[in-house]
């Protein structure tokens, strides 16, 4: 994996809202943008910008469902990138467990 790709991935994940969205989407299910907005306390325009960044990075895919857009983890994601995100999510879960 090239350094540029890792740097780009870390840049995308550096925003708390985007990282929260990835954490929610990493369950493999499809989630409506309305659910992401609610769970992450984000406005529709803010959530759309963040999801566009995640989609541009290739981390998520979307589909339109009437007035809403539904997102899910990109099933074609490179295993190396998925492993990095898995590690970040695991570290976040460990940190939450230690804080509790």
Protein backbone atom coordinates (compact mmCIF):
# COMPACT_ATOMS: atom_id res chain seq x y z
CA UNK A 1 0.00 0.00 0.00
CA UNK A 2 1.44 3.34 -1.02
CA UNK A 3 2.16 6.08 1.47
CA UNK A 4 -0.16 8.46 -0.40
CA UNK A 5 -3.07 6.03 -0.05
CA UNK A 6 -2.50 5.65 3.70
CA UNK A 7 -2.17 9.42 4.13
CA UNK A 8 -5.39 9.97 2.19
CA UNK A 9 -7.20 7.32 4.25
CA UNK A 10 -6.02 8.84 7.53
CA UNK A 11 -7.07 12.29 6.34
CA UNK A 12 -10.58 11.06 5.56
CA UNK A 13 -10.83 9.27 8.91
CA UNK A 14 -9.46 12.24 10.88
CA UNK A 15 -12.85 13.91 11.08
CA UNK A 16 -14.94 12.68 14.05
CA UNK A 17 -18.21 12.68 12.07
CA UNK A 18 -16.73 10.68 9.20
CA UNK A 19 -15.07 8.27 11.61
CA UNK A 20 -18.38 7.84 13.43
CA UNK A 21 -20.16 7.14 10.15
CA UNK A 22 -17.56 4.55 9.18
CA UNK A 23 -17.90 2.89 12.59
CA UNK A 24 -21.67 2.66 12.12
CA UNK A 25 -21.41 1.41 8.55
CA UNK A 26 -18.76 -1.16 9.39
CA UNK A 27 -21.46 -3.56 10.62
CA UNK A 28 -21.98 -4.50 6.95
CA UNK A 29 -25.60 -3.40 6.85
CA UNK A 30 -27.12 -0.60 4.84
CA UNK A 31 -27.96 2.59 6.75
CA UNK A 32 -30.17 5.49 5.73
CA UNK A 33 -28.54 8.89 5.83
CA UNK A 34 -31.37 9.91 8.17
CA UNK A 35 -30.14 7.32 10.70
CA UNK A 36 -26.56 8.55 10.38
CA UNK A 37 -27.73 12.13 10.88
CA UNK A 38 -29.61 11.16 14.02
CA UNK A 39 -26.89 8.99 15.53
CA UNK A 40 -24.13 11.50 14.79
CA UNK A 41 -26.12 14.67 15.54
CA UNK A 42 -25.38 16.11 12.11
CA UNK A 43 -27.48 18.21 9.77
CA UNK A 44 -28.42 16.84 6.37
CA UNK A 45 -26.04 19.12 4.49
CA UNK A 46 -23.15 18.35 6.85
CA UNK A 47 -23.79 14.61 6.66
CA UNK A 48 -23.99 14.75 2.86
CA UNK A 49 -20.58 16.45 2.67
CA UNK A 50 -19.02 13.86 4.94
CA UNK A 51 -20.57 10.95 3.09
CA UNK A 52 -19.38 12.39 -0.23
CA UNK A 53 -15.83 12.39 1.18
CA UNK A 54 -16.16 8.76 2.31
CA UNK A 55 -17.62 7.76 -1.04
CA UNK A 56 -14.87 9.61 -2.91
CA UNK A 57 -12.28 7.72 -0.82
CA UNK A 58 -13.94 4.46 -1.87
CA UNK A 59 -14.90 3.46 1.67
CA UNK A 60 -18.67 3.44 1.14
CA UNK A 61 -21.19 2.93 -1.63
CA UNK A 62 -24.67 4.39 -1.82
CA UNK A 63 -28.05 3.89 -3.40
CA UNK A 64 -30.99 6.23 -3.65
CA UNK A 65 -34.22 5.12 -1.97
CA UNK A 66 -36.94 7.65 -2.82
CA UNK A 67 -35.98 10.83 -0.95
CA UNK A 68 -33.19 9.25 1.11
CA UNK A 69 -29.79 7.85 0.31
CA UNK A 70 -28.66 4.60 1.89
CA UNK A 71 -25.00 3.87 2.53
CA UNK A 72 -23.01 0.74 3.28
CA UNK A 73 -19.42 -0.39 3.51
CA UNK A 74 -17.88 -0.82 0.08
CA UNK A 75 -17.81 -4.59 -0.49
CA UNK A 76 -14.94 -4.17 -2.99
CA UNK A 77 -12.70 -2.38 -0.48
CA UNK A 78 -9.05 -3.46 -0.60
CA UNK A 79 -8.27 -5.86 2.26
CA UNK A 80 -5.35 -3.70 3.44
CA UNK A 81 -7.62 -0.67 3.82
CA UNK A 82 -10.31 -2.73 5.53
CA UNK A 83 -7.67 -4.02 7.98
CA UNK A 84 -6.60 -0.48 8.87
CA UNK A 85 -10.19 0.57 9.50
CA UNK A 86 -10.86 -2.61 11.49
CA UNK A 87 -7.87 -1.75 13.70
CA UNK A 88 -9.04 1.84 14.21
CA UNK A 89 -12.55 0.70 15.15
CA UNK A 90 -11.16 -1.95 17.53
CA UNK A 91 -8.97 0.68 19.20
CA UNK A 92 -11.97 2.98 19.59
CA UNK A 93 -14.00 0.17 21.19
CA UNK A 94 -11.15 -0.62 23.58
CA UNK A 95 -10.85 3.05 24.53
CA UNK A 96 -14.60 3.26 25.24
CA UNK A 97 -14.42 0.09 27.34
CA UNK A 98 -11.52 1.46 29.41
CA UNK A 99 -13.32 4.77 29.92
CA UNK A 100 -16.43 3.02 31.26
